[in-house]
Protein backbone atom coordinates (compact mmCIF):
# COMPACT_ATOMS: atom_id res chain seq x y z
CA MET A 1 4.05 -15.96 -12.91
CA ALA A 2 1.82 -14.01 -10.96
CA ASP A 3 2.19 -10.86 -12.93
CA ALA A 4 1.90 -12.90 -15.83
CA LEU A 5 -1.51 -13.87 -15.20
CA VAL A 6 -2.28 -10.35 -13.55
CA ARG A 7 -1.11 -9.11 -17.01
CA THR A 8 -2.94 -11.30 -19.67
CA SER A 9 -6.09 -11.06 -17.63
CA LYS A 10 -6.34 -7.60 -18.07
CA PHE A 11 -5.31 -7.49 -21.50
CA LEU A 12 -7.66 -10.54 -22.13
CA SER A 13 -10.22 -8.25 -20.62
CA LEU A 14 -9.49 -5.33 -22.74
CA VAL A 15 -9.53 -7.44 -25.88
CA LEU A 16 -12.95 -9.30 -25.22
CA ARG A 17 -14.97 -7.10 -23.57
CA HIS A 18 -13.78 -3.97 -25.00
CA GLU A 19 -11.61 -3.27 -27.99
CA PRO A 20 -11.30 -6.33 -29.96
CA GLY A 21 -10.73 -4.34 -32.66
CA LYS A 22 -7.08 -3.23 -30.60
CA ILE A 23 -5.80 -6.62 -31.72
CA GLY A 24 -8.40 -7.19 -35.11
CA LEU A 25 -10.11 -9.14 -33.18
CA GLN A 26 -14.43 -9.54 -34.20
CA LEU A 27 -16.46 -11.14 -31.63
CA ASP A 28 -19.40 -13.43 -33.27
CA PRO A 29 -22.84 -12.41 -31.68
CA GLN A 30 -22.76 -14.11 -28.94
CA GLY A 31 -19.17 -12.44 -27.86
CA TRP A 32 -17.37 -16.04 -28.55
CA VAL A 33 -13.52 -15.78 -30.60
CA SER A 34 -11.41 -18.74 -32.01
CA ILE A 35 -8.81 -19.32 -29.12
CA ASP A 36 -5.90 -20.01 -32.08
CA GLU A 37 -7.22 -17.05 -33.86
CA LEU A 38 -6.62 -14.61 -30.33
CA LEU A 39 -3.23 -16.69 -29.95
CA ALA A 40 -1.95 -15.43 -33.25
CA LYS A 41 -3.02 -12.07 -33.25
CA ALA A 42 -2.21 -11.57 -28.62
CA ALA A 43 1.45 -12.93 -30.22
CA ARG A 44 2.69 -8.71 -31.49
CA HIS A 45 1.29 -6.96 -27.88
CA LEU A 46 2.36 -10.00 -25.76
CA PRO A 47 3.69 -13.56 -25.14
CA LEU A 48 0.78 -15.33 -24.49
CA THR A 49 0.77 -19.13 -25.26
CA ASN A 50 -2.09 -21.61 -25.04
CA GLU A 51 -1.37 -23.20 -20.82
CA LEU A 52 -1.32 -19.33 -19.89
CA LEU A 53 -4.45 -18.69 -21.69
CA HIS A 54 -5.84 -21.43 -19.93
CA GLU A 55 -4.17 -20.47 -16.94
CA VAL A 56 -5.92 -17.49 -16.39
CA VAL A 57 -9.14 -19.26 -17.36
CA ARG A 58 -8.54 -21.69 -14.31
CA THR A 59 -7.32 -19.82 -12.11
CA SER A 60 -8.60 -16.20 -12.44
CA ASP A 61 -11.05 -15.61 -8.34
CA LYS A 62 -13.82 -13.81 -10.46
CA GLN A 63 -14.38 -16.21 -13.57
CA ARG A 64 -14.49 -13.60 -16.12
CA PHE A 65 -14.11 -15.37 -18.79
CA ALA A 66 -15.45 -19.13 -20.82
CA ILE A 67 -13.60 -21.72 -22.96
CA SER A 68 -16.33 -23.21 -25.02
CA GLU A 69 -17.23 -26.84 -24.91
CA ASP A 70 -15.02 -28.31 -27.53
CA GLY A 71 -12.28 -26.01 -26.63
CA THR A 72 -11.87 -24.20 -29.21
CA ARG A 73 -13.34 -20.54 -28.39
CA ILE A 74 -13.02 -18.21 -25.42
CA ARG A 75 -15.56 -15.58 -24.62
CA ALA A 76 -16.11 -12.71 -21.52
CA ASN A 77 -18.55 -13.33 -18.92
CA GLN A 78 -20.06 -10.52 -19.00
CA GLY A 79 -18.82 -6.70 -18.57
CA HIS A 80 -18.69 -5.83 -22.61
CA SER A 81 -18.78 -2.59 -23.51
CA VAL A 82 -19.70 -4.15 -27.42
CA PRO A 83 -22.10 -5.59 -28.59
CA VAL A 84 -23.04 -9.49 -27.63
CA GLU A 85 -26.44 -11.60 -26.74
CA LEU A 86 -24.74 -13.86 -24.00
CA GLY A 87 -27.71 -15.86 -24.35
CA LEU A 88 -28.98 -15.37 -21.05
CA ALA A 89 -31.79 -16.33 -19.29
CA PRO A 90 -34.13 -14.38 -16.88
CA GLN A 91 -33.78 -15.30 -13.35
CA VAL A 92 -35.43 -14.79 -10.35
CA PRO A 93 -33.15 -13.16 -7.62
CA PRO A 94 -32.73 -13.27 -4.03
CA GLY A 95 -34.53 -11.08 -2.60
CA GLN A 96 -31.39 -8.94 -1.75
CA LEU A 97 -28.24 -8.44 -3.50
CA TYR A 98 -25.19 -5.96 -3.23
CA HIS A 99 -24.03 -3.89 -4.79
CA GLY A 100 -20.02 -2.46 -4.45
CA THR A 101 -18.83 1.20 -4.97
CA ALA A 102 -16.33 4.19 -3.60
CA THR A 103 -17.65 6.37 -0.56
CA ARG A 104 -17.39 9.14 -2.86
CA PHE A 105 -19.91 8.08 -5.68
CA VAL A 106 -22.83 7.87 -2.47
CA ASP A 107 -24.43 10.85 -3.24
CA SER A 108 -24.94 10.73 -7.26
CA ILE A 109 -25.64 6.96 -6.19
CA ARG A 110 -28.58 8.12 -4.21
CA LYS A 111 -30.16 10.61 -7.08
CA GLN A 112 -29.33 8.62 -9.90
CA GLY A 113 -29.61 4.36 -9.21
CA LEU A 114 -27.09 2.01 -10.50
CA LEU A 115 -26.44 2.56 -13.72
CA ARG A 116 -24.39 0.56 -16.50
CA GLY A 117 -22.80 3.09 -18.22
CA ASP A 118 -20.96 2.13 -21.02
CA ARG A 119 -21.67 -1.69 -20.11
CA HIS A 120 -24.74 -3.77 -21.05
CA HIS A 121 -25.62 -4.05 -17.30
CA VAL A 122 -25.22 -3.31 -13.83
CA HIS A 123 -23.37 -5.67 -12.01
CA LEU A 124 -24.43 -7.61 -8.73
CA SER A 125 -22.91 -9.86 -5.75
CA ALA A 126 -24.67 -12.72 -4.22
CA THR A 127 -21.96 -11.53 -1.10
CA THR A 128 -21.15 -9.09 0.76
CA GLU A 129 -17.31 -9.53 0.48
CA THR A 130 -17.43 -10.05 -3.25
CA ALA A 131 -19.03 -6.53 -3.36
CA VAL A 132 -16.23 -5.49 -0.79
CA LYS A 133 -13.67 -6.69 -2.78
CA VAL A 134 -15.69 -4.84 -6.05
CA GLY A 135 -15.61 -1.38 -3.48
CA ALA A 136 -12.54 -1.62 -3.01
CA ARG A 137 -11.06 -1.32 -6.51
CA HIS A 138 -12.52 2.15 -6.79
CA GLY A 139 -10.96 3.36 -3.03
CA GLN A 140 -13.49 3.50 -0.09
CA PRO A 141 -15.24 0.28 -0.38
CA ILE A 142 -19.22 0.91 0.45
CA VAL A 143 -21.63 -2.16 -0.20
CA LEU A 144 -25.15 -0.51 -1.03
CA ILE A 145 -28.15 -3.43 -0.09
CA VAL A 146 -30.15 -3.94 -3.27
CA ASN A 147 -33.77 -4.76 -3.06
CA ALA A 148 -33.59 -7.28 -5.57
CA GLY A 149 -36.84 -9.32 -4.45
CA ASP A 150 -38.95 -5.96 -4.97
CA MET A 151 -37.18 -4.56 -7.96
CA HIS A 152 -38.31 -8.24 -9.29
CA ARG A 153 -42.01 -8.43 -8.65
CA ALA A 154 -41.78 -4.48 -9.87
CA GLY A 155 -40.89 -6.14 -13.15
CA HIS A 156 -37.29 -5.92 -13.11
CA VAL A 157 -35.35 -8.30 -15.51
CA PHE A 158 -32.47 -9.97 -13.75
CA PHE A 159 -30.01 -12.17 -15.23
CA GLN A 160 -27.38 -14.46 -13.95
CA SER A 161 -23.89 -14.79 -15.88
CA ASP A 162 -21.97 -18.19 -15.82
CA ASN A 163 -19.73 -16.99 -13.21
CA GLY A 164 -21.98 -15.87 -10.81
CA VAL A 165 -22.87 -12.56 -11.27
CA TRP A 166 -26.15 -10.83 -11.18
CA LEU A 167 -27.01 -8.56 -14.16
CA VAL A 168 -29.73 -5.96 -14.04
CA GLU A 169 -30.19 -2.92 -16.69
CA HIS A 170 -30.87 -0.42 -13.91
CA VAL A 171 -31.42 -0.47 -10.04
CA PRO A 172 -32.97 2.92 -9.64
CA PRO A 173 -32.23 5.03 -5.94
CA SER A 174 -35.39 3.92 -4.18
CA PHE A 175 -34.14 -0.09 -4.17
CA LEU A 176 -31.03 0.39 -2.66
CA ALA A 177 -29.57 0.91 1.43
CA ALA A 178 -26.33 1.06 2.67
CA THR A 179 -25.18 -1.48 4.48
């Protein structure tokens, strides 16, 4: 069952964040898609049931996905590389946030800061523990401290996704420190 959950989560990340057209889906402007349509179009790619879908959403430690209040639609909470407007309101961040990465990227980050790449935002964590987990996915982890309070006072706009991930357009190198 654990393998099915991981496989399904990766599939959902692909089609709800990056390539909905791969299975013929079209996300609405806020990133939502009908669960019935998702199940029907996913059937040719992997065995996905309504129960498995809800189990992935419920048990995901990162809470990557959300189901609408009426239970008919699903979307990714953040991390999109396709155009969506999640409708998040600007938030005042805590004084410090964290970004986990691999040590091999540190020299580039010190020069350019944290860039969003193909995504809409840079993702930041509220805890060092979460940042370590994120960094470990990419190699030997290192956690960078983001002086978010100073950034906010300097005019940078922060958002917080429904699953608690902090989002910002860019983190200039002057607002970064290593733990």
